[in-house]
Amino acid sequence: MEIAILIWIICGIVAAIIGNQKGEGCAGFILGVVLGPIGILLALGSKGNRKQCPFCKEMIHREALVCPRCQREMPAPPTTPTPAK
C-alpha cells in the first residue's frame, strides 16, 4: 500500500515539474497525484499558458511583448470595435 502511495506522489512531482515548465506547476501536481501516470501524460500534452512566436515558432509566455529567442516584438492582439449607442 505504501508503495502505491509513493508512486502516486512521485507521479505528482514529475507532473509538477513538467507543468512548471509550461507555467502550470500546481495543476500538473494535482493531475499527477489524482491520475498517476495518466496525469503525467496529460501534463506532457498540455499547452500551458504559452503561445507560439509567429516569427521563430518558439513557445513563449502569453503576456510576452518581445520573444526571448528572436528578440522581435509580438504583434498587438486585434481589438474589437465597441458598438455605437
Protein backbone atom coordinates (compact mmCIF):
# COMPACT_ATOMS: atom_id res chain seq x y z
CA MET A 1 0.00 0.00 0.00
CA GLU A 2 2.81 2.40 0.86
CA ILE A 3 4.48 1.74 -2.50
CA ALA A 4 1.31 2.71 -4.38
CA ILE A 5 1.08 5.97 -2.43
CA LEU A 6 4.76 6.66 -3.08
CA ILE A 7 4.32 6.03 -6.82
CA TRP A 8 1.34 8.43 -6.93
CA ILE A 9 3.32 11.13 -5.10
CA ILE A 10 6.25 10.64 -7.50
CA CYS A 11 3.84 10.98 -10.42
CA GLY A 12 2.61 14.22 -8.88
CA ILE A 13 6.15 15.56 -8.55
CA VAL A 14 7.05 14.61 -12.13
CA ALA A 15 3.84 16.16 -13.48
CA ALA A 16 4.52 19.30 -11.39
CA ILE A 17 7.99 19.65 -12.91
CA ILE A 18 6.54 19.29 -16.41
CA GLY A 19 3.70 21.69 -15.58
CA ASN A 20 6.12 24.21 -14.07
CA GLN A 21 7.99 24.42 -17.36
CA LYS A 22 4.67 25.25 -19.01
CA GLY A 23 3.56 27.71 -16.34
CA GLU A 24 1.08 25.34 -14.67
CA GLY A 25 3.04 23.69 -11.86
CA CYS A 26 0.22 23.35 -9.36
CA ALA A 27 -2.21 21.96 -11.93
CA GLY A 28 0.43 19.46 -13.03
CA PHE A 29 0.94 18.28 -9.47
CA ILE A 30 -2.78 17.82 -8.92
CA LEU A 31 -3.11 15.89 -12.19
CA GLY A 32 -0.19 13.67 -11.27
CA VAL A 33 -1.45 12.90 -7.78
CA VAL A 34 -5.06 12.30 -8.81
CA LEU A 35 -4.46 10.43 -12.07
CA GLY A 36 -0.99 8.98 -11.55
CA PRO A 37 0.84 8.09 -14.79
CA ILE A 38 -2.08 9.35 -16.88
CA GLY A 39 -1.65 12.75 -15.20
CA ILE A 40 1.96 12.83 -16.40
CA LEU A 41 0.79 12.19 -19.95
CA LEU A 42 -1.81 14.94 -19.66
CA ALA A 43 0.82 17.34 -18.31
CA LEU A 44 3.07 16.48 -21.26
CA GLY A 45 0.25 17.13 -23.73
CA SER A 46 -0.81 20.39 -22.10
CA LYS A 47 -0.03 23.57 -23.99
CA GLY A 48 0.08 25.55 -20.75
CA ASN A 49 -0.19 29.32 -20.67
CA ARG A 50 2.18 29.79 -23.57
CA LYS A 51 1.75 30.81 -27.17
CA GLN A 52 3.85 30.31 -30.25
CA CYS A 53 6.01 33.14 -31.57
CA PRO A 54 4.79 33.90 -35.11
CA PHE A 55 8.35 34.53 -36.27
CA CYS A 56 10.56 31.75 -34.82
CA LYS A 57 7.81 29.32 -33.62
CA GLU A 58 9.29 29.18 -30.10
CA MET A 59 6.79 28.70 -27.24
CA ILE A 60 6.77 31.90 -25.15
CA HIS A 61 4.69 33.33 -22.28
CA ARG A 62 1.27 34.54 -23.36
CA GLU A 63 1.93 38.03 -21.90
CA ALA A 64 5.35 38.43 -23.55
CA LEU A 65 5.82 41.60 -25.57
CA VAL A 66 9.18 40.51 -27.04
CA CYS A 67 10.26 36.98 -27.95
CA PRO A 68 13.28 35.98 -25.82
CA ARG A 69 14.68 33.89 -28.67
CA CYS A 70 14.40 36.07 -31.78
CA GLN A 71 14.01 39.43 -29.94
CA ARG A 72 11.12 40.53 -32.15
CA GLU A 73 8.11 42.40 -30.83
CA MET A 74 4.88 40.48 -30.68
CA PRO A 75 2.05 41.87 -32.79
CA ALA A 76 -0.71 43.59 -30.85
CA PRO A 77 -3.83 41.47 -30.40
CA PRO A 78 -6.72 42.58 -32.59
CA THR A 79 -9.15 44.86 -30.83
CA THR A 80 -12.86 44.58 -31.39
CA PRO A 81 -14.68 47.84 -32.01
CA THR A 82 -17.27 48.79 -29.43
CA PRO A 83 -20.77 49.23 -30.85
CA ALA A 84 -22.04 52.79 -31.01
CA LYS A 85 -25.04 53.60 -28.83
